[in-house]
Amino acid sequence: MKKSVLVVEDQSSQRKLMVDALQRAGYATFQAGDIQQATQIMHQHKLDVVVADMHLPSGDGSDVIREVRKLPASTTAVVAVSIDLAILNQNITSLFPADAYLSKPFHPRELLKIVEELVGVSL
């Protein structure tokens, strides 16, 4: 069974870059441009990983992490993505820390490496 990844990114070009790389690597992907879309997808599908931008127009990326952590019996891993290292450093000590952190700009291979480590498989 394919592992599934949700990409939450408001910038459509960035979102497409991440989704394309994940799909080429064999992952089932979902995508959302805001927290409301992401929350809907989280409640409709079993996800292995959520990749969440920390700067979203509809709220803070930590809201996405909080939603993931509220899911019943969730084993979903979270990758926090930001261009702002201070946000990533602050998130490390928050109540809802991510499982991995990725600073923009990054090469899609970096994202794939992190996702593979989190799901425990190499596709």
C-alpha atoms as a PDB file:
ATOM      1  CA  MET A   1       0.000   0.000   0.000  1.00  0.00           C
ATOM      2  CA  LYS A   2       1.298   3.442  -0.924  1.00  0.00           C
ATOM      3  CA  LYS A   3       2.247   5.783   1.874  1.00  0.00           C
ATOM      4  CA  SER A   4       0.245   9.026   1.831  1.00  0.00           C
ATOM      5  CA  VAL A   5       1.454  12.592   2.244  1.00  0.00           C
ATOM      6  CA  LEU A   6      -0.511  15.822   2.625  1.00  0.00           C
ATOM      7  CA  VAL A   7       1.269  18.994   1.500  1.00  0.00           C
ATOM      8  CA  VAL A   8      -0.113  22.183   3.096  1.00  0.00           C
ATOM      9  CA  GLU A   9       1.353  25.181   1.251  1.00  0.00           C
ATOM     10  CA  ASP A  10      -0.367  28.373   0.129  1.00  0.00           C
ATOM     11  CA  GLN A  11       2.111  29.098  -2.685  1.00  0.00           C
ATOM     12  CA  SER A  12       0.839  27.002  -5.596  1.00  0.00           C
ATOM     13  CA  SER A  13       4.255  26.773  -7.309  1.00  0.00           C
ATOM     14  CA  GLN A  14       5.924  25.512  -4.112  1.00  0.00           C
ATOM     15  CA  ARG A  15       3.074  23.105  -3.458  1.00  0.00           C
ATOM     16  CA  LYS A  16       3.295  21.725  -7.012  1.00  0.00           C
ATOM     17  CA  LEU A  17       7.062  21.233  -6.714  1.00  0.00           C
ATOM     18  CA  MET A  18       6.656  19.208  -3.511  1.00  0.00           C
ATOM     19  CA  VAL A  19       3.649  17.195  -4.734  1.00  0.00           C
ATOM     20  CA  ASP A  20       5.329  16.364  -8.050  1.00  0.00           C
ATOM     21  CA  ALA A  21       8.478  15.121  -6.306  1.00  0.00           C
ATOM     22  CA  LEU A  22       6.468  13.006  -3.867  1.00  0.00           C
ATOM     23  CA  GLN A  23       4.321  11.517  -6.633  1.00  0.00           C
ATOM     24  CA  ARG A  24       7.382  10.651  -8.735  1.00  0.00           C
ATOM     25  CA  ALA A  25       8.771   8.851  -5.683  1.00  0.00           C
ATOM     26  CA  GLY A  26       5.615   6.759  -5.437  1.00  0.00           C
ATOM     27  CA  TYR A  27       3.677   8.459  -2.650  1.00  0.00           C
ATOM     28  CA  ALA A  28      -0.084   9.029  -2.720  1.00  0.00           C
ATOM     29  CA  THR A  29      -0.432  12.776  -2.292  1.00  0.00           C
ATOM     30  CA  PHE A  30      -3.037  15.226  -1.137  1.00  0.00           C
ATOM     31  CA  GLN A  31      -2.680  18.979  -1.198  1.00  0.00           C
ATOM     32  CA  ALA A  32      -4.189  21.953   0.568  1.00  0.00           C
ATOM     33  CA  GLY A  33      -3.679  25.690   0.254  1.00  0.00           C
ATOM     34  CA  ASP A  34      -4.971  26.551   3.708  1.00  0.00           C
ATOM     35  CA  ILE A  35      -5.733  25.138   7.143  1.00  0.00           C
ATOM     36  CA  GLN A  36      -9.430  24.542   6.448  1.00  0.00           C
ATOM     37  CA  GLN A  37      -8.681  22.382   3.384  1.00  0.00           C
ATOM     38  CA  ALA A  38      -5.952  20.560   5.302  1.00  0.00           C
ATOM     39  CA  THR A  39      -8.272  19.792   8.215  1.00  0.00           C
ATOM     40  CA  GLN A  40     -10.918  18.383   5.860  1.00  0.00           C
ATOM     41  CA  ILE A  41      -8.367  16.100   4.190  1.00  0.00           C
ATOM     42  CA  MET A  42      -6.970  14.969   7.554  1.00  0.00           C
ATOM     43  CA  HIS A  43     -10.418  13.832   8.660  1.00  0.00           C
ATOM     44  CA  GLN A  44     -11.195  12.085   5.362  1.00  0.00           C
ATOM     45  CA  HIS A  45      -7.952  10.179   4.778  1.00  0.00           C
ATOM     46  CA  LYS A  46      -5.389   8.177   6.729  1.00  0.00           C
ATOM     47  CA  LEU A  47      -2.148  10.111   6.282  1.00  0.00           C
ATOM     48  CA  ASP A  48       1.386   8.989   6.983  1.00  0.00           C
ATOM     49  CA  VAL A  49       2.999  12.435   6.753  1.00  0.00           C
ATOM     50  CA  VAL A  50       1.817  16.047   6.694  1.00  0.00           C
ATOM     51  CA  VAL A  51       4.227  18.609   5.246  1.00  0.00           C
ATOM     52  CA  ALA A  52       3.086  21.997   6.579  1.00  0.00           C
ATOM     53  CA  ASP A  53       4.269  25.486   5.731  1.00  0.00           C
ATOM     54  CA  MET A  54       4.468  27.546   8.921  1.00  0.00           C
ATOM     55  CA  HIS A  55       3.309  30.759   7.164  1.00  0.00           C
ATOM     56  CA  LEU A  56      -0.247  30.333   5.936  1.00  0.00           C
ATOM     57  CA  PRO A  57      -2.716  33.133   5.204  1.00  0.00           C
ATOM     58  CA  SER A  58      -5.477  31.367   7.127  1.00  0.00           C
ATOM     59  CA  GLY A  59      -3.423  30.859  10.290  1.00  0.00           C
ATOM     60  CA  ASP A  60      -0.171  29.674  11.717  1.00  0.00           C
ATOM     61  CA  GLY A  61       1.294  26.371  10.553  1.00  0.00           C
ATOM     62  CA  SER A  62       1.316  25.201  14.144  1.00  0.00           C
ATOM     63  CA  ASP A  63      -2.489  25.086  13.809  1.00  0.00           C
ATOM     64  CA  VAL A  64      -1.978  22.319  11.251  1.00  0.00           C
ATOM     65  CA  ILE A  65       0.291  20.444  13.657  1.00  0.00           C
ATOM     66  CA  ARG A  66      -2.268  20.866  16.445  1.00  0.00           C
ATOM     67  CA  GLU A  67      -4.986  19.393  14.172  1.00  0.00           C
ATOM     68  CA  VAL A  68      -2.790  16.402  13.304  1.00  0.00           C
ATOM     69  CA  ARG A  69      -2.087  15.727  16.971  1.00  0.00           C
ATOM     70  CA  LYS A  70      -5.826  15.821  17.768  1.00  0.00           C
ATOM     71  CA  LEU A  71      -6.615  12.982  15.351  1.00  0.00           C
ATOM     72  CA  PRO A  72      -7.632   9.804  17.186  1.00  0.00           C
ATOM     73  CA  ALA A  73      -4.819   7.246  17.371  1.00  0.00           C
ATOM     74  CA  SER A  74      -2.785   9.363  14.974  1.00  0.00           C
ATOM     75  CA  THR A  75       0.626   8.126  13.939  1.00  0.00           C
ATOM     76  CA  THR A  76       0.893  10.863  11.322  1.00  0.00           C
ATOM     77  CA  ALA A  77       4.320  12.503  11.220  1.00  0.00           C
ATOM     78  CA  VAL A  78       4.659  16.238  10.580  1.00  0.00           C
ATOM     79  CA  VAL A  79       7.338  18.119   8.650  1.00  0.00           C
ATOM     80  CA  ALA A  80       7.364  21.856   9.429  1.00  0.00           C
ATOM     81  CA  VAL A  81       8.573  24.007   6.533  1.00  0.00           C
ATOM     82  CA  SER A  82       9.519  27.678   6.722  1.00  0.00           C
ATOM     83  CA  ILE A  83      11.776  30.270   5.194  1.00  0.00           C
ATOM     84  CA  ASP A  84      12.057  31.792   8.666  1.00  0.00           C
ATOM     85  CA  LEU A  85      14.488  29.823  10.845  1.00  0.00           C
ATOM     86  CA  ALA A  86      13.242  31.650  13.955  1.00  0.00           C
ATOM     87  CA  ILE A  87       9.783  30.152  13.375  1.00  0.00           C
ATOM     88  CA  LEU A  88      11.275  26.678  13.073  1.00  0.00           C
ATOM     89  CA  ASN A  89      13.375  27.167  16.213  1.00  0.00           C
ATOM     90  CA  GLN A  90      10.336  28.466  18.126  1.00  0.00           C
ATOM     91  CA  ASN A  91       8.262  25.509  16.923  1.00  0.00           C
ATOM     92  CA  ILE A  92      10.794  23.034  18.310  1.00  0.00           C
ATOM     93  CA  THR A  93       9.869  24.047  21.845  1.00  0.00           C
ATOM     94  CA  SER A  94       6.133  24.590  21.311  1.00  0.00           C
ATOM     95  CA  LEU A  95       3.386  22.419  22.736  1.00  0.00           C
ATOM     96  CA  PHE A  96       2.885  20.803  19.332  1.00  0.00           C
ATOM     97  CA  PRO A  97       6.350  20.148  17.912  1.00  0.00           C
ATOM     98  CA  ALA A  98       6.871  18.763  14.437  1.00  0.00           C
ATOM     99  CA  ASP A  99       8.708  15.503  13.814  1.00  0.00           C
ATOM    100  CA  ALA A 100      11.092  17.118  11.313  1.00  0.00           C
ATOM    101  CA  TYR A 101      11.972  20.600  10.095  1.00  0.00           C
ATOM    102  CA  LEU A 102      12.909  21.865   6.639  1.00  0.00           C
ATOM    103  CA  SER A 103      14.129  25.366   5.838  1.00  0.00           C
ATOM    104  CA  LYS A 104      13.220  27.009   2.521  1.00  0.00           C
ATOM    105  CA  PRO A 105      14.629  27.049  -0.066  1.00  0.00           C
ATOM    106  CA  PHE A 106      15.283  23.330  -0.310  1.00  0.00           C
ATOM    107  CA  HIS A 107      15.792  20.748  -3.033  1.00  0.00           C
ATOM    108  CA  PRO A 108      12.980  18.197  -3.429  1.00  0.00           C
ATOM    109  CA  ARG A 109      15.502  15.442  -2.610  1.00  0.00           C
ATOM    110  CA  GLU A 110      15.788  16.896   0.903  1.00  0.00           C
ATOM    111  CA  LEU A 111      12.027  16.607   1.367  1.00  0.00           C
ATOM    112  CA  LEU A 112      12.009  13.051   0.012  1.00  0.00           C
ATOM    113  CA  LYS A 113      14.827  12.033   2.349  1.00  0.00           C
ATOM    114  CA  ILE A 114      12.948  13.352   5.390  1.00  0.00           C
ATOM    115  CA  VAL A 115       9.648  11.740   4.351  1.00  0.00           C
ATOM    116  CA  GLU A 116      11.369   8.399   3.709  1.00  0.00           C
ATOM    117  CA  GLU A 117      12.956   8.533   7.167  1.00  0.00           C
ATOM    118  CA  LEU A 118       9.612   9.328   8.789  1.00  0.00           C
ATOM    119  CA  VAL A 119       7.658   6.554   7.083  1.00  0.00           C
ATOM    120  CA  GLY A 120      10.500   4.048   7.466  1.00  0.00           C
ATOM    121  CA  VAL A 121      10.688   3.020   3.837  1.00  0.00           C
ATOM    122  CA  SER A 122      12.797   3.816   0.857  1.00  0.00           C
ATOM    123  CA  LEU A 123      10.724   3.946  -2.290  1.00  0.00           C
END
